[in-house]
Protein backbone atom coordinates (compact mmCIF):
# COMPACT_ATOMS: atom_id res chain seq x y z
CA UNK A 1 -9.86 151.68 -10.88
CA UNK A 2 -10.91 148.38 -9.28
CA UNK A 3 -8.39 145.66 -9.75
CA UNK A 4 -8.98 141.90 -8.87
CA UNK A 5 -5.61 140.26 -8.53
CA UNK A 6 -5.98 136.47 -8.94
CA UNK A 7 -3.04 134.03 -8.63
CA UNK A 8 -3.75 131.03 -10.89
CA UNK A 9 -5.36 128.07 -9.41
CA UNK A 10 -3.74 124.88 -8.14
CA UNK A 11 -1.26 123.80 -10.76
CA UNK A 12 0.78 120.52 -11.49
CA UNK A 13 4.47 120.50 -10.69
CA UNK A 14 6.66 121.02 -13.73
CA UNK A 15 7.36 117.58 -15.32
CA UNK A 16 10.62 116.46 -16.98
CA UNK A 17 10.68 117.67 -20.44
CA UNK A 18 8.06 120.35 -19.98
CA UNK A 19 8.62 124.04 -19.28
CA UNK A 20 7.12 125.99 -16.50
CA UNK A 21 4.90 127.83 -19.10
CA UNK A 22 3.25 124.68 -19.85
CA UNK A 23 2.17 123.66 -16.28
CA UNK A 24 -1.60 123.03 -16.24
CA UNK A 25 -4.14 123.09 -13.42
CA UNK A 26 -4.64 120.05 -11.36
CA UNK A 27 -8.09 118.27 -11.22
CA UNK A 28 -8.40 119.61 -7.76
CA UNK A 29 -7.42 123.18 -8.93
CA UNK A 30 -10.10 122.99 -11.76
CA UNK A 31 -12.82 121.82 -9.35
CA UNK A 32 -11.89 124.53 -6.74
CA UNK A 33 -12.11 127.21 -9.59
CA UNK A 34 -15.49 125.85 -10.78
CA UNK A 35 -16.75 126.31 -7.24
CA UNK A 36 -15.22 129.78 -6.88
CA UNK A 37 -16.88 130.76 -10.21
CA UNK A 38 -20.18 129.85 -8.84
CA UNK A 39 -19.63 132.22 -5.77
CA UNK A 40 -18.39 134.93 -7.88
CA UNK A 41 -21.50 134.80 -10.09
CA UNK A 42 -23.52 135.55 -6.94
CA UNK A 43 -21.35 138.49 -5.92
CA UNK A 44 -22.16 140.10 -9.32
CA UNK A 45 -18.89 142.16 -9.52
CA UNK A 46 -19.07 144.45 -12.45
CA UNK A 47 -15.91 143.12 -14.04
CA UNK A 48 -15.33 144.68 -17.45
CA UNK A 49 -12.49 142.36 -18.58
CA UNK A 50 -10.68 139.25 -17.43
CA UNK A 51 -7.05 139.24 -18.50
CA UNK A 52 -4.52 136.62 -17.96
CA UNK A 53 -0.71 135.91 -18.42
CA UNK A 54 0.28 133.75 -21.43
CA UNK A 55 1.04 130.80 -19.18
CA UNK A 56 -1.26 127.70 -19.54
CA UNK A 57 -2.30 127.74 -15.91
CA UNK A 58 -3.20 131.41 -15.92
CA UNK A 59 -5.26 131.02 -19.09
CA UNK A 60 -7.15 128.04 -17.51
CA UNK A 61 -7.80 129.90 -14.45
CA UNK A 62 -9.20 132.90 -16.40
CA UNK A 63 -11.33 130.57 -18.56
CA UNK A 64 -12.78 128.88 -15.42
CA UNK A 65 -13.63 132.34 -13.64
CA UNK A 66 -14.74 134.52 -16.59
CA UNK A 67 -18.27 132.91 -17.02
CA UNK A 68 -19.05 134.47 -13.61
CA UNK A 69 -19.02 137.74 -15.39
CA UNK A 70 -20.37 136.51 -18.79
CA UNK A 71 -17.02 137.47 -20.34
CA UNK A 72 -14.38 135.78 -22.47
CA UNK A 73 -10.88 136.11 -21.06
CA UNK A 74 -8.08 137.69 -23.03
CA UNK A 75 -4.31 137.01 -23.08
CA UNK A 76 -2.39 139.98 -21.73
CA UNK A 77 1.38 139.44 -22.47
CA UNK A 78 2.35 142.17 -19.79
CA UNK A 79 0.94 139.75 -17.04
CA UNK A 80 3.60 137.21 -17.67
CA UNK A 81 5.92 136.36 -14.76
CA UNK A 82 7.91 139.47 -13.80
CA UNK A 83 5.01 141.87 -14.37
CA UNK A 84 5.69 145.23 -12.83
CA UNK A 85 3.53 148.09 -11.49
CA UNK A 86 4.42 150.02 -14.69
CA UNK A 87 2.96 147.09 -16.66
CA UNK A 88 -0.29 147.18 -14.70
CA UNK A 89 -0.39 151.03 -15.25
CA UNK A 90 -0.01 150.44 -18.96
CA UNK A 91 -2.99 147.84 -18.82
CA UNK A 92 -5.07 150.12 -16.72
CA UNK A 93 -4.54 153.07 -19.05
CA UNK A 94 -6.48 151.26 -21.78
CA UNK A 95 -9.67 151.42 -19.79
CA UNK A 96 -11.87 154.00 -18.09
CA UNK A 97 -10.64 155.26 -14.60
CA UNK A 98 -13.61 153.38 -12.90
CA UNK A 99 -13.20 150.07 -14.76
CA UNK A 100 -13.20 146.69 -12.87
CA UNK A 101 -10.42 144.51 -14.19
CA UNK A 102 -9.68 140.96 -13.27
CA UNK A 103 -6.06 140.10 -13.68
CA UNK A 104 -4.80 136.55 -13.53
CA UNK A 105 -1.04 136.09 -12.93
CA UNK A 106 1.61 134.42 -10.90
CA UNK A 107 3.40 134.72 -7.56
CA UNK A 108 5.42 136.46 -6.36
CA UNK A 109 4.29 139.05 -8.72
CA UNK A 110 0.61 139.36 -7.47
CA UNK A 111 1.69 139.72 -3.88
CA UNK A 112 4.44 142.18 -4.85
CA UNK A 113 1.81 144.26 -6.87
CA UNK A 114 -0.74 144.30 -4.11
CA UNK A 115 1.95 145.45 -1.72
CA UNK A 116 3.19 148.20 -4.02
CA UNK A 117 -0.19 149.58 -4.58
CA UNK A 118 -1.57 149.27 -0.95
CA UNK A 119 1.19 148.57 1.51
CA UNK A 120 -0.55 145.41 2.59
CA UNK A 121 1.29 142.22 2.80
CA UNK A 122 -0.92 139.22 1.84
CA UNK A 123 -0.09 135.45 1.85
CA UNK A 124 -0.83 134.63 -1.75
CA UNK A 125 -2.03 131.19 -2.18
CA UNK A 126 -3.11 129.49 -5.53
CA UNK A 127 -6.47 130.70 -6.43
CA UNK A 128 -6.64 133.87 -4.02
CA UNK A 129 -8.49 136.86 -5.24
CA UNK A 130 -7.51 140.26 -3.88
CA UNK A 131 -9.74 143.20 -4.41
CA UNK A 132 -8.00 146.59 -4.57
CA UNK A 133 -9.58 150.01 -5.16
CA UNK A 134 -7.03 152.36 -6.61
CA UNK A 135 -8.06 155.88 -7.68
CA UNK A 136 -4.49 156.08 -9.30
CA UNK A 137 -2.48 153.04 -10.21
CA UNK A 138 0.49 154.34 -8.35
CA UNK A 139 2.52 153.14 -5.21
CA UNK A 140 0.51 153.36 -2.12
CA UNK A 141 -2.52 154.86 -3.76
CA UNK A 142 -4.81 151.88 -3.44
CA UNK A 143 -6.83 150.14 -0.79
CA UNK A 144 -7.07 146.53 -0.16
CA UNK A 145 -10.80 145.97 0.04
CA UNK A 146 -11.09 142.24 0.32
CA UNK A 147 -9.14 139.05 0.22
CA UNK A 148 -10.96 135.88 -0.85
CA UNK A 149 -9.20 132.76 0.21
CA UNK A 150 -9.83 130.22 -2.51
CA UNK A 151 -10.98 127.32 -0.27
CA UNK A 152 -13.47 129.63 1.52
CA UNK A 153 -14.83 131.08 -1.85
CA UNK A 154 -15.04 127.55 -3.21
CA UNK A 155 -16.97 126.20 -0.16
CA UNK A 156 -19.46 129.02 -0.64
CA UNK A 157 -19.76 128.12 -4.26
CA UNK A 158 -20.39 124.46 -3.45
CA UNK A 159 -23.07 125.45 -0.93
CA UNK A 160 -25.05 127.39 -3.47
CA UNK A 161 -28.00 125.58 -5.17
CA UNK A 162 -27.36 124.39 -8.74
CA UNK A 163 -28.59 126.86 -11.26
């Protein structure tokens, strides 16, 4: 299994009268994700599915990145805040063992999941992508293959010629 853990892009702070679930991406966050998507398109990862938490900012992040893989993102309720390794195991069980899944969620969950799978501690900023290869989605059975800092990936995307 190849898992791409993504923390949602830069999001607005919670405003009075709105719940955390309704927070949206900022203009800067949307622009950064658009540039990241251009870079991801060039990487040509064989992502089979883009799944996101039910929260608005995760849905917006998935929608911004999914075109890189010519996919439509799908909401996955198990990816809501508080997602556990057992939840990721349940998600993974629906796909072939060699599938590539991009999972968009929240912090501290994404960092905690990466640590549980690989033992690697990563500073999980908004928009980060962590690539994990896990022959079995079990504790300490995965390998952290790459970490793509959001601004670095966005810079690469902005440097690419327009298509």
